Amino acid sequence: GKVQGTVRIISFVDEKYHDEVAQFKQGEILVTGMTRPQIAHLCHKALAIVTDEGGITSHASIISREFNIPCVVGTSNATKLLRTGDFVEVDAALGSVRKIK
C-alpha cells in the first residue's frame, strides 16, 4: 500500500532509546535500522515501517504483512536522511519513501 504520515526514528543504540519508544504515537511511520521483537508493540501502532536493513524475510517484512501495513526495507540510509517529524509518503509497491514537507 501507500500511506503518508509523520516519521518517528527509533534507534536501538541511542541513549534516548526508551524516550523514543515512549513517545511513539499511533499512526506514525516507524523508521529504524532494523526492527526487533522488542518493538513489535510499536509495529502494531505504526502506519508504515521503513528500515535501513532487511529483505523479504526480515522481521519488519513479516510483521508488516501480519499487521497489513506498508513496509520498505533495505533502504541503507533512511535513518540518516529522515528525521523525527518529517512528513513522508511510503509506497510499498514501488519500494519508495519520499519526503512531502
Protein backbone atom coordinates (compact mmCIF):
# COMPACT_ATOMS: atom_id res chain seq x y z
CA GLY A 1 0.00 0.00 0.00
CA LYS A 2 0.82 3.68 0.06
CA VAL A 3 0.47 5.97 3.08
CA GLN A 4 1.51 9.42 4.20
CA GLY A 5 2.48 10.25 7.74
CA THR A 6 4.96 11.60 10.25
CA VAL A 7 8.29 9.89 10.83
CA ARG A 8 9.43 8.66 14.22
CA ILE A 9 13.05 7.45 14.32
CA ILE A 10 13.75 4.64 16.79
CA SER A 11 17.43 3.78 17.34
CA PHE A 12 18.44 0.81 19.48
CA VAL A 13 21.89 2.31 20.00
CA ASP A 14 20.73 5.79 21.02
CA GLU A 15 20.96 6.60 24.71
CA LYS A 16 17.45 8.09 24.38
CA TYR A 17 16.01 4.77 23.10
CA HIS A 18 13.48 4.41 25.95
CA ASP A 19 12.29 8.00 25.49
CA GLU A 20 11.90 7.45 21.72
CA VAL A 21 9.81 4.33 22.33
CA ALA A 22 7.67 6.08 24.96
CA GLN A 23 6.98 8.99 22.57
CA PHE A 24 5.86 6.80 19.66
CA LYS A 25 2.25 7.62 18.73
CA GLN A 26 -0.40 5.58 16.95
CA GLY A 27 -0.25 6.28 13.20
CA GLU A 28 3.37 7.40 12.98
CA ILE A 29 5.79 5.91 10.47
CA LEU A 30 8.39 3.79 12.24
CA VAL A 31 11.88 4.35 10.82
CA THR A 32 14.70 2.26 12.28
CA GLY A 33 17.87 0.42 11.38
CA MET A 34 16.11 -2.91 11.76
CA THR A 35 13.05 -4.00 13.71
CA ARG A 36 13.34 -6.45 16.57
CA PRO A 37 10.79 -8.38 18.62
CA GLN A 38 11.26 -5.88 21.49
CA ILE A 39 9.45 -3.21 19.47
CA ALA A 40 6.68 -5.37 17.98
CA HIS A 41 4.19 -3.31 20.01
CA LEU A 42 5.35 -0.21 18.10
CA CYS A 43 4.97 -2.00 14.78
CA HIS A 44 1.33 -2.64 15.67
CA LYS A 45 0.80 1.12 16.21
CA ALA A 46 2.76 2.16 13.10
CA LEU A 47 1.16 3.42 9.89
CA ALA A 48 4.17 2.00 7.99
CA ILE A 49 7.64 0.62 8.66
CA VAL A 50 10.88 1.74 6.98
CA THR A 51 14.24 0.11 7.76
CA ASP A 52 17.86 0.54 6.73
CA GLU A 53 18.46 -3.22 6.69
CA GLY A 54 16.47 -6.30 5.81
CA GLY A 55 14.86 -8.17 2.97
CA ILE A 56 11.63 -10.01 2.20
CA THR A 57 12.15 -12.47 5.08
CA SER A 58 13.25 -9.88 7.65
CA HIS A 59 11.37 -9.23 10.88
CA ALA A 60 9.98 -5.94 9.51
CA SER A 61 8.66 -7.62 6.35
CA ILE A 62 7.00 -10.43 8.26
CA ILE A 63 5.47 -8.20 10.92
CA SER A 64 4.16 -5.71 8.34
CA ARG A 65 2.43 -8.50 6.42
CA GLU A 66 0.91 -9.74 9.67
CA PHE A 67 -0.34 -6.26 10.62
CA ASN A 68 -1.25 -5.40 7.00
CA ILE A 69 0.80 -2.20 6.88
CA PRO A 70 3.16 -0.89 4.17
CA CYS A 71 6.85 -1.62 4.63
CA VAL A 72 10.04 -0.62 2.80
CA VAL A 73 13.18 -2.48 3.94
CA GLY A 74 16.82 -2.36 2.95
CA THR A 75 16.99 1.39 2.27
CA SER A 76 20.52 1.50 3.73
CA ASN A 77 20.13 5.19 4.67
CA ALA A 78 16.59 6.04 5.84
CA THR A 79 17.73 6.76 9.40
CA LYS A 80 20.39 9.13 8.06
CA LEU A 81 18.18 11.02 5.57
CA LEU A 82 14.96 11.23 7.58
CA ARG A 83 14.31 12.92 10.92
CA THR A 84 11.58 12.55 13.51
CA GLY A 85 8.77 14.88 12.48
CA ASP A 86 9.37 14.68 8.72
CA PHE A 87 6.18 14.15 6.70
CA VAL A 88 6.70 11.38 4.14
CA GLU A 89 4.94 9.12 1.69
CA VAL A 90 5.75 5.41 1.90
CA ASP A 91 4.86 3.42 -1.23
CA ALA A 92 5.48 -0.27 -0.55
CA ALA A 93 4.50 -1.28 -4.09
CA LEU A 94 7.29 0.87 -5.53
CA GLY A 95 9.65 0.43 -2.57
CA SER A 96 9.96 4.19 -2.19
CA VAL A 97 9.97 6.72 0.63
CA ARG A 98 9.54 10.36 -0.33
CA LYS A 99 9.62 13.49 1.84
CA ILE A 100 6.49 15.58 1.38
CA LYS A 101 7.39 18.51 3.70
